[in-house]
Amino acid sequence: MEKTNKTDKKDDKSTWVIGGTTLIGTGVGFILLKTSPLLFVASILIGMGTGLVIASLISTRNRQK
């Protein structure tokens, strides 16, 4: 079993990316809420999906170093 270094956890920003894009999606959703509640839910899901894609790209980039 490998020991994880504390600096590795500090360098991992994937959770910040997922949370940030979800907040962006929520903000856009509140703007679109007057138009349709379904657009509100869709914008949150798009924000989470975008965050997951960016997080996977970041994690693969960190593994290559």
Protein backbone atom coordinates (compact mmCIF):
# COMPACT_ATOMS: atom_id res chain seq x y z
CA MET A 1 0.00 0.00 0.00
CA GLU A 2 1.39 3.38 -0.99
CA LYS A 3 1.43 6.26 1.41
CA THR A 4 -0.14 9.42 0.09
CA ASN A 5 1.82 12.59 0.53
CA LYS A 6 0.06 15.58 2.11
CA THR A 7 1.31 17.82 -0.69
CA ASP A 8 -0.54 15.62 -3.22
CA LYS A 9 -3.85 16.43 -1.55
CA LYS A 10 -3.03 20.14 -1.51
CA ASP A 11 -2.23 20.08 -5.22
CA ASP A 12 -5.48 18.27 -6.10
CA LYS A 13 -8.00 20.94 -7.07
CA SER A 14 -10.60 18.64 -8.64
CA THR A 15 -13.12 19.10 -5.83
CA TRP A 16 -12.76 22.87 -6.13
CA VAL A 17 -13.45 22.65 -9.86
CA ILE A 18 -16.58 20.54 -9.38
CA GLY A 19 -17.91 22.83 -6.66
CA GLY A 20 -17.09 25.99 -8.59
CA THR A 21 -18.77 24.93 -11.79
CA THR A 22 -21.80 23.75 -9.84
CA LEU A 23 -22.05 27.20 -8.28
CA ILE A 24 -21.73 28.80 -11.70
CA GLY A 25 -24.51 26.53 -12.98
CA THR A 26 -26.68 27.47 -10.01
CA GLY A 27 -26.10 31.17 -10.65
CA VAL A 28 -27.05 30.83 -14.30
CA GLY A 29 -30.03 28.74 -13.23
CA PHE A 30 -31.31 31.50 -10.96
CA ILE A 31 -31.18 33.89 -13.90
CA LEU A 32 -33.12 31.43 -16.05
CA LEU A 33 -35.56 30.50 -13.27
CA LYS A 34 -38.09 33.09 -14.43
CA THR A 35 -38.13 31.50 -17.86
CA SER A 36 -38.48 27.87 -16.82
CA PRO A 37 -37.76 25.80 -13.70
CA LEU A 38 -36.54 23.03 -15.99
CA LEU A 39 -33.76 25.31 -17.27
CA PHE A 40 -32.73 25.85 -13.64
CA VAL A 41 -32.25 22.11 -13.12
CA ALA A 42 -30.56 21.73 -16.50
CA SER A 43 -28.04 24.48 -15.76
CA ILE A 44 -27.10 22.84 -12.45
CA LEU A 45 -26.58 19.50 -14.19
CA ILE A 46 -24.54 21.13 -16.95
CA GLY A 47 -22.38 22.82 -14.30
CA MET A 48 -21.78 19.56 -12.48
CA GLY A 49 -21.02 17.70 -15.72
CA THR A 50 -18.57 20.35 -16.83
CA GLY A 51 -16.86 20.22 -13.45
CA LEU A 52 -16.52 16.46 -13.62
CA VAL A 53 -14.98 16.62 -17.09
CA ILE A 54 -12.51 19.33 -16.07
CA ALA A 55 -11.67 17.43 -12.86
CA SER A 56 -10.87 14.28 -14.81
CA LEU A 57 -8.64 16.26 -17.15
CA ILE A 58 -6.82 17.80 -14.20
CA SER A 59 -6.32 14.45 -12.48
CA THR A 60 -4.92 12.79 -15.60
CA ARG A 61 -2.61 15.77 -16.12
CA ASN A 62 -1.37 15.50 -12.52
CA ARG A 63 -0.69 11.77 -12.93
CA GLN A 64 1.47 12.35 -15.99
CA LYS A 65 3.89 14.58 -14.04
